[in-house]
C-alpha atoms as a PDB file:
ATOM      1  CA  ILE A   1      14.140  15.477   5.455  1.00  0.00           C
ATOM      2  CA  ASN A   2      15.549  12.067   6.442  1.00  0.00           C
ATOM      3  CA  MET A   3      13.357   9.766   8.505  1.00  0.00           C
ATOM      4  CA  TYR A   4      14.053   6.571  10.425  1.00  0.00           C
ATOM      5  CA  LEU A   5      10.857   4.704  11.232  1.00  0.00           C
ATOM      6  CA  ASN A   6      11.238   1.314  12.897  1.00  0.00           C
ATOM      7  CA  ASN A   7      10.303  -0.829  15.898  1.00  0.00           C
ATOM      8  CA  GLY A   8       6.617   0.037  15.561  1.00  0.00           C
ATOM      9  CA  ALA A   9       7.148   3.812  15.442  1.00  0.00           C
ATOM     10  CA  ALA A  10       4.260   5.596  13.714  1.00  0.00           C
ATOM     11  CA  TRP A  11       3.938   8.669  11.515  1.00  0.00           C
ATOM     12  CA  ASN A  12       0.521  10.191  10.809  1.00  0.00           C
ATOM     13  CA  ASN A  13       1.072  11.797   7.408  1.00  0.00           C
ATOM     14  CA  GLN A  14      -1.385  14.676   7.348  1.00  0.00           C
ATOM     15  CA  VAL A  15      -1.371  18.451   7.208  1.00  0.00           C
ATOM     16  CA  TRP A  16      -1.411  20.208  10.581  1.00  0.00           C
ATOM     17  CA  GLY A  17      -2.249  23.869  10.945  1.00  0.00           C
ATOM     18  CA  LYS A  18      -2.565  26.415   8.182  1.00  0.00           C
ATOM     19  CA  ILE A  19      -0.739  25.884   4.890  1.00  0.00           C
ATOM     20  CA  ASP A  20      -0.252  28.939   2.707  1.00  0.00           C
ATOM     21  CA  GLY A  21      -0.236  27.952  -0.969  1.00  0.00           C
ATOM     22  CA  GLY A  22       2.075  25.634  -2.828  1.00  0.00           C
ATOM     23  CA  PHE A  23       1.923  22.501  -0.653  1.00  0.00           C
ATOM     24  CA  ASP A  24       1.757  19.495  -2.945  1.00  0.00           C
ATOM     25  CA  GLY A  25       2.250  16.659  -0.477  1.00  0.00           C
ATOM     26  CA  SER A  26       4.888  15.259   1.849  1.00  0.00           C
ATOM     27  CA  HIS A  27       8.360  14.700   0.431  1.00  0.00           C
ATOM     28  CA  VAL A  28      10.977  12.600   2.221  1.00  0.00           C
ATOM     29  CA  ALA A  29      14.542  12.469   0.884  1.00  0.00           C
ATOM     30  CA  LYS A  30      15.340   9.237   2.754  1.00  0.00           C
ATOM     31  CA  LEU A  31      13.083   6.852   4.669  1.00  0.00           C
ATOM     32  CA  ALA A  32      14.586   3.874   6.471  1.00  0.00           C
ATOM     33  CA  GLY A  33      12.101   1.361   7.875  1.00  0.00           C
ATOM     34  CA  GLY A  34      12.732  -1.590  10.177  1.00  0.00           C
ATOM     35  CA  ASP A  35      15.189  -4.407   9.538  1.00  0.00           C
ATOM     36  CA  SER A  36      12.390  -6.998   9.324  1.00  0.00           C
ATOM     37  CA  GLU A  37       8.612  -7.300   9.229  1.00  0.00           C
ATOM     38  CA  ALA A  38       8.621  -7.581  13.033  1.00  0.00           C
ATOM     39  CA  THR A  39      10.500  -4.271  13.402  1.00  0.00           C
ATOM     40  CA  ALA A  40       8.679  -2.368  10.649  1.00  0.00           C
ATOM     41  CA  GLY A  41       7.683   1.259  11.029  1.00  0.00           C
ATOM     42  CA  ASN A  42       4.111   2.424  10.375  1.00  0.00           C
ATOM     43  CA  ILE A  43       2.805   5.271   8.230  1.00  0.00           C
ATOM     44  CA  PHE A  44      -0.842   6.253   8.496  1.00  0.00           C
ATOM     45  CA  GLN A  45      -1.459   7.980   5.155  1.00  0.00           C
ATOM     46  CA  LYS A  46      -4.153  10.548   5.889  1.00  0.00           C
ATOM     47  CA  ASP A  47      -3.312  13.447   3.575  1.00  0.00           C
ATOM     48  CA  SER A  48      -5.121  13.773   0.240  1.00  0.00           C
ATOM     49  CA  ARG A  49      -1.834  14.639  -1.470  1.00  0.00           C
ATOM     50  CA  ASN A  50       0.858  12.149  -2.447  1.00  0.00           C
ATOM     51  CA  LEU A  51       3.641  11.004  -0.148  1.00  0.00           C
ATOM     52  CA  THR A  52       6.895  10.936  -2.168  1.00  0.00           C
ATOM     53  CA  ILE A  53       9.994   9.096  -0.938  1.00  0.00           C
ATOM     54  CA  ASP A  54      13.214   9.606  -2.907  1.00  0.00           C
ATOM     55  CA  ASN A  55      15.285   6.837  -1.265  1.00  0.00           C
ATOM     56  CA  TYR A  56      13.670   3.995   0.648  1.00  0.00           C
ATOM     57  CA  SER A  57      15.042   1.032   2.578  1.00  0.00           C
ATOM     58  CA  GLY A  58      13.833  -1.489   5.141  1.00  0.00           C
ATOM     59  CA  ASN A  59      10.306  -2.599   6.061  1.00  0.00           C
ATOM     60  CA  THR A  60       7.349  -0.249   6.456  1.00  0.00           C
ATOM     61  CA  ASN A  61       3.587  -0.655   6.772  1.00  0.00           C
ATOM     62  CA  ILE A  62       1.459   2.029   5.116  1.00  0.00           C
ATOM     63  CA  PHE A  63      -2.135   2.196   6.332  1.00  0.00           C
ATOM     64  CA  TYR A  64      -4.999   3.544   4.222  1.00  0.00           C
ATOM     65  CA  ALA A  65      -8.520   4.104   5.520  1.00  0.00           C
ATOM     66  CA  HIS A  66     -11.357   3.611   3.045  1.00  0.00           C
ATOM     67  CA  THR A  67     -15.055   4.266   2.740  1.00  0.00           C
ATOM     68  CA  GLY A  68     -17.709   2.081   1.145  1.00  0.00           C
ATOM     69  CA  ASN A  69     -16.597  -1.355  -0.003  1.00  0.00           C
ATOM     70  CA  GLY A  70     -12.979  -0.320  -0.713  1.00  0.00           C
ATOM     71  CA  GLU A  71     -13.107  -1.473  -4.332  1.00  0.00           C
ATOM     72  CA  ALA A  72     -12.925   1.939  -6.052  1.00  0.00           C
ATOM     73  CA  ALA A  73     -10.091   4.466  -6.011  1.00  0.00           C
ATOM     74  CA  SER A  74     -12.652   7.055  -4.873  1.00  0.00           C
ATOM     75  CA  ASN A  75     -13.058   5.032  -1.635  1.00  0.00           C
ATOM     76  CA  TYR A  76      -9.558   6.163  -0.580  1.00  0.00           C
ATOM     77  CA  ALA A  77      -9.256   9.852   0.337  1.00  0.00           C
ATOM     78  CA  ALA A  78      -5.504   9.701   1.018  1.00  0.00           C
ATOM     79  CA  GLY A  79      -3.033  10.335  -1.782  1.00  0.00           C
ATOM     80  CA  ASP A  80      -0.694   7.813  -3.361  1.00  0.00           C
ATOM     81  CA  THR A  81       2.673   6.703  -2.039  1.00  0.00           C
ATOM     82  CA  VAL A  82       5.495   7.145  -4.563  1.00  0.00           C
ATOM     83  CA  ILE A  83       8.847   5.463  -3.934  1.00  0.00           C
ATOM     84  CA  LYS A  84      11.458   6.588  -6.434  1.00  0.00           C
ATOM     85  CA  HIS A  85      14.435   4.393  -5.444  1.00  0.00           C
ATOM     86  CA  ALA A  86      14.515   1.384  -3.117  1.00  0.00           C
ATOM     87  CA  ALA A  87      17.550  -0.299  -1.596  1.00  0.00           C
ATOM     88  CA  GLU A  88      17.957  -4.015  -2.189  1.00  0.00           C
ATOM     89  CA  GLY A  89      15.671  -6.146   0.002  1.00  0.00           C
ATOM     90  CA  SER A  90      13.202  -3.341   0.766  1.00  0.00           C
ATOM     91  CA  VAL A  91       9.595  -4.236   1.637  1.00  0.00           C
ATOM     92  CA  VAL A  92       6.441  -2.137   1.885  1.00  0.00           C
ATOM     93  CA  SER A  93       3.003  -3.382   2.951  1.00  0.00           C
ATOM     94  CA  MET A  94      -0.087  -1.423   1.918  1.00  0.00           C
ATOM     95  CA  ILE A  95      -2.843  -2.120   4.459  1.00  0.00           C
ATOM     96  CA  THR A  96      -6.532  -1.301   4.836  1.00  0.00           C
ATOM     97  CA  ASP A  97      -9.118  -2.613   7.281  1.00  0.00           C
ATOM     98  CA  ASN A  98     -11.981  -4.971   6.471  1.00  0.00           C
ATOM     99  CA  SER A  99     -14.849  -2.562   7.228  1.00  0.00           C
ATOM    100  CA  GLY A 100     -17.452  -2.638   4.459  1.00  0.00           C
ATOM    101  CA  ILE A 101     -15.556  -5.285   2.467  1.00  0.00           C
ATOM    102  CA  ALA A 102     -17.393  -8.451   1.444  1.00  0.00           C
ATOM    103  CA  MET A 103     -14.815 -10.792   2.972  1.00  0.00           C
ATOM    104  CA  ASP A 104     -16.780 -13.813   1.719  1.00  0.00           C
ATOM    105  CA  ASN A 105     -16.518 -12.655  -1.911  1.00  0.00           C
ATOM    106  CA  GLU A 106     -13.164 -13.440  -3.552  1.00  0.00           C
ATOM    107  CA  TYR A 107     -13.853 -11.047  -6.445  1.00  0.00           C
ATOM    108  CA  SER A 108     -14.530  -8.161  -4.063  1.00  0.00           C
ATOM    109  CA  ILE A 109     -11.374  -8.973  -2.108  1.00  0.00           C
ATOM    110  CA  ALA A 110      -9.308  -9.051  -5.318  1.00  0.00           C
ATOM    111  CA  ASN A 111     -10.735  -5.665  -6.366  1.00  0.00           C
ATOM    112  CA  VAL A 112      -9.909  -4.146  -2.965  1.00  0.00           C
ATOM    113  CA  LEU A 113      -6.348  -5.511  -3.080  1.00  0.00           C
ATOM    114  CA  ASN A 114      -5.899  -4.213  -6.648  1.00  0.00           C
ATOM    115  CA  THR A 115      -7.169  -0.732  -5.762  1.00  0.00           C
ATOM    116  CA  LEU A 116      -4.935  -0.628  -2.696  1.00  0.00           C
ATOM    117  CA  ALA A 117      -1.917  -1.806  -4.754  1.00  0.00           C
ATOM    118  CA  GLY A 118      -2.644   1.058  -7.155  1.00  0.00           C
ATOM    119  CA  LYS A 119      -1.929   3.523  -4.333  1.00  0.00           C
ATOM    120  CA  LEU A 120       1.785   2.550  -4.572  1.00  0.00           C
ATOM    121  CA  THR A 121       4.149   3.576  -7.374  1.00  0.00           C
ATOM    122  CA  TYR A 122       7.763   2.371  -7.587  1.00  0.00           C
ATOM    123  CA  SER A 123       9.224   4.854 -10.098  1.00  0.00           C
ATOM    124  CA  ASN A 124      12.619   3.260 -10.776  1.00  0.00           C
ATOM    125  CA  TYR A 125      10.985  -0.057 -11.667  1.00  0.00           C
ATOM    126  CA  VAL A 126      10.606   1.349 -15.199  1.00  0.00           C
ATOM    127  CA  ASN A 127      14.417   1.662 -15.343  1.00  0.00           C
ATOM    128  CA  GLY A 128      14.968  -1.994 -14.431  1.00  0.00           C
ATOM    129  CA  GLU A 129      15.424  -1.520 -10.679  1.00  0.00           C
ATOM    130  CA  ASN A 130      13.783  -4.425  -8.841  1.00  0.00           C
ATOM    131  CA  ASN A 131      14.662  -3.953  -5.161  1.00  0.00           C
ATOM    132  CA  LEU A 132      11.193  -3.401  -3.678  1.00  0.00           C
ATOM    133  CA  THR A 133       8.770  -6.127  -2.645  1.00  0.00           C
ATOM    134  CA  GLY A 134       5.228  -4.888  -2.165  1.00  0.00           C
ATOM    135  CA  TYR A 135       2.363  -6.554  -0.321  1.00  0.00           C
ATOM    136  CA  VAL A 136      -1.294  -5.597  -0.022  1.00  0.00           C
ATOM    137  CA  LYS A 137      -3.230  -6.609   3.066  1.00  0.00           C
ATOM    138  CA  ILE A 138      -6.735  -6.449   4.417  1.00  0.00           C
ATOM    139  CA  ALA A 139      -6.540  -6.412   8.207  1.00  0.00           C
ATOM    140  CA  ASP A 140      -9.137  -6.747  10.930  1.00  0.00           C
ATOM    141  CA  GLY A 141      -8.538  -3.105  11.897  1.00  0.00           C
ATOM    142  CA  LEU A 142      -6.459  -0.028  11.115  1.00  0.00           C
ATOM    143  CA  THR A 143      -3.932  -0.370  13.913  1.00  0.00           C
ATOM    144  CA  ALA A 144      -0.353  -1.555  13.804  1.00  0.00           C
ATOM    145  CA  SER A 145      -1.311  -4.650  15.825  1.00  0.00           C
ATOM    146  CA  SER A 146      -4.216  -5.723  13.573  1.00  0.00           C
ATOM    147  CA  ALA A 147      -4.095  -9.234  12.169  1.00  0.00           C
ATOM    148  CA  ALA A 148      -3.913  -9.612   8.377  1.00  0.00           C
ATOM    149  CA  LEU A 149      -6.980 -11.399   7.034  1.00  0.00           C
ATOM    150  CA  LYS A 150      -6.001 -11.450   3.338  1.00  0.00           C
ATOM    151  CA  THR A 151      -2.584 -10.796   1.794  1.00  0.00           C
ATOM    152  CA  GLY A 152      -1.321 -10.569  -1.782  1.00  0.00           C
ATOM    153  CA  ASP A 153       1.789  -9.599  -3.763  1.00  0.00           C
ATOM    154  CA  ILE A 154       1.981  -6.298  -5.638  1.00  0.00           C
ATOM    155  CA  THR A 155       3.090  -6.340  -9.281  1.00  0.00           C
ATOM    156  CA  PHE A 156       4.653  -3.143 -10.662  1.00  0.00           C
ATOM    157  CA  SER A 157       4.008  -1.833 -14.183  1.00  0.00           C
ATOM    158  CA  LYS A 158       7.001  -1.609 -16.535  1.00  0.00           C
ATOM    159  CA  GLU A 159       5.395   1.492 -18.108  1.00  0.00           C
ATOM    160  CA  ASP A 160       4.910   3.705 -15.025  1.00  0.00           C
ATOM    161  CA  GLY A 161       5.835   1.661 -11.917  1.00  0.00           C
ATOM    162  CA  LYS A 162       2.253   1.720 -10.599  1.00  0.00           C
ATOM    163  CA  GLY A 163       1.286  -1.233  -8.428  1.00  0.00           C
ATOM    164  CA  SER A 164      -1.478  -3.726  -9.165  1.00  0.00           C
ATOM    165  CA  TYR A 165      -2.889  -7.004  -7.932  1.00  0.00           C
ATOM    166  CA  PRO A 166      -4.396  -9.554 -10.340  1.00  0.00           C
ATOM    167  CA  THR A 167      -8.186  -9.518 -10.392  1.00  0.00           C
ATOM    168  CA  GLU A 168      -8.704 -12.302 -12.909  1.00  0.00           C
ATOM    169  CA  THR A 169     -11.470 -14.639 -11.952  1.00  0.00           C
ATOM    170  CA  PRO A 170     -10.345 -18.035 -10.742  1.00  0.00           C
ATOM    171  CA  VAL A 171     -10.891 -21.007 -12.977  1.00  0.00           C
ATOM    172  CA  VAL A 172     -13.966 -22.875 -11.855  1.00  0.00           C
ATOM    173  CA  PRO A 173     -14.195 -26.465 -13.036  1.00  0.00           C
ATOM    174  CA  PRO A 174     -17.230 -27.142 -15.231  1.00  0.00           C
ATOM    175  CA  LYS A 175     -20.168 -28.919 -13.669  1.00  0.00           C
ATOM    176  CA  THR A 176     -20.595 -32.511 -14.679  1.00  0.00           C
ATOM    177  CA  GLU A 177     -24.151 -33.684 -14.830  1.00  0.00           C
ATOM    178  CA  PHE A 178     -25.035 -37.331 -14.630  1.00  0.00           C
ATOM    179  CA  THR A 179     -28.237 -38.901 -15.894  1.00  0.00           C
END
């Protein structure tokens, strides 16, 4: 299947109806998103199985609902998104909403962004391909028009292409006491 998803078009990736054996997730041979962030397409990842894209290009937002505080992989029922090959200049944004997230706690936010980044794998990154830019975002809702409250860059692993976001604690200057 080839899919063109731009100008705010949305795809709810989930199983409909009865599936008789053997279904292991959605598989798209080619997905072309929008030409820019403003014309991006939207995927609402709702299926527990992975979404695999063989050839990706353009700009796409992928929305993930979560339960709890969003910090653990178990808080996300939907499967991972796997992009095998990306055309030069491709961008994907992994987005969740702020429900249950301690938005006043930078460590909690970093953990949420890292867990969300881990839902994306860029397979050809391990072969030296570096055409995909990934972002993680916490938005004020799970709609295409929701405003991003926190945004970060995804880093891909050279071993398996899995995404991550740094969770190191920020350097806090030591307290100076005067007497």
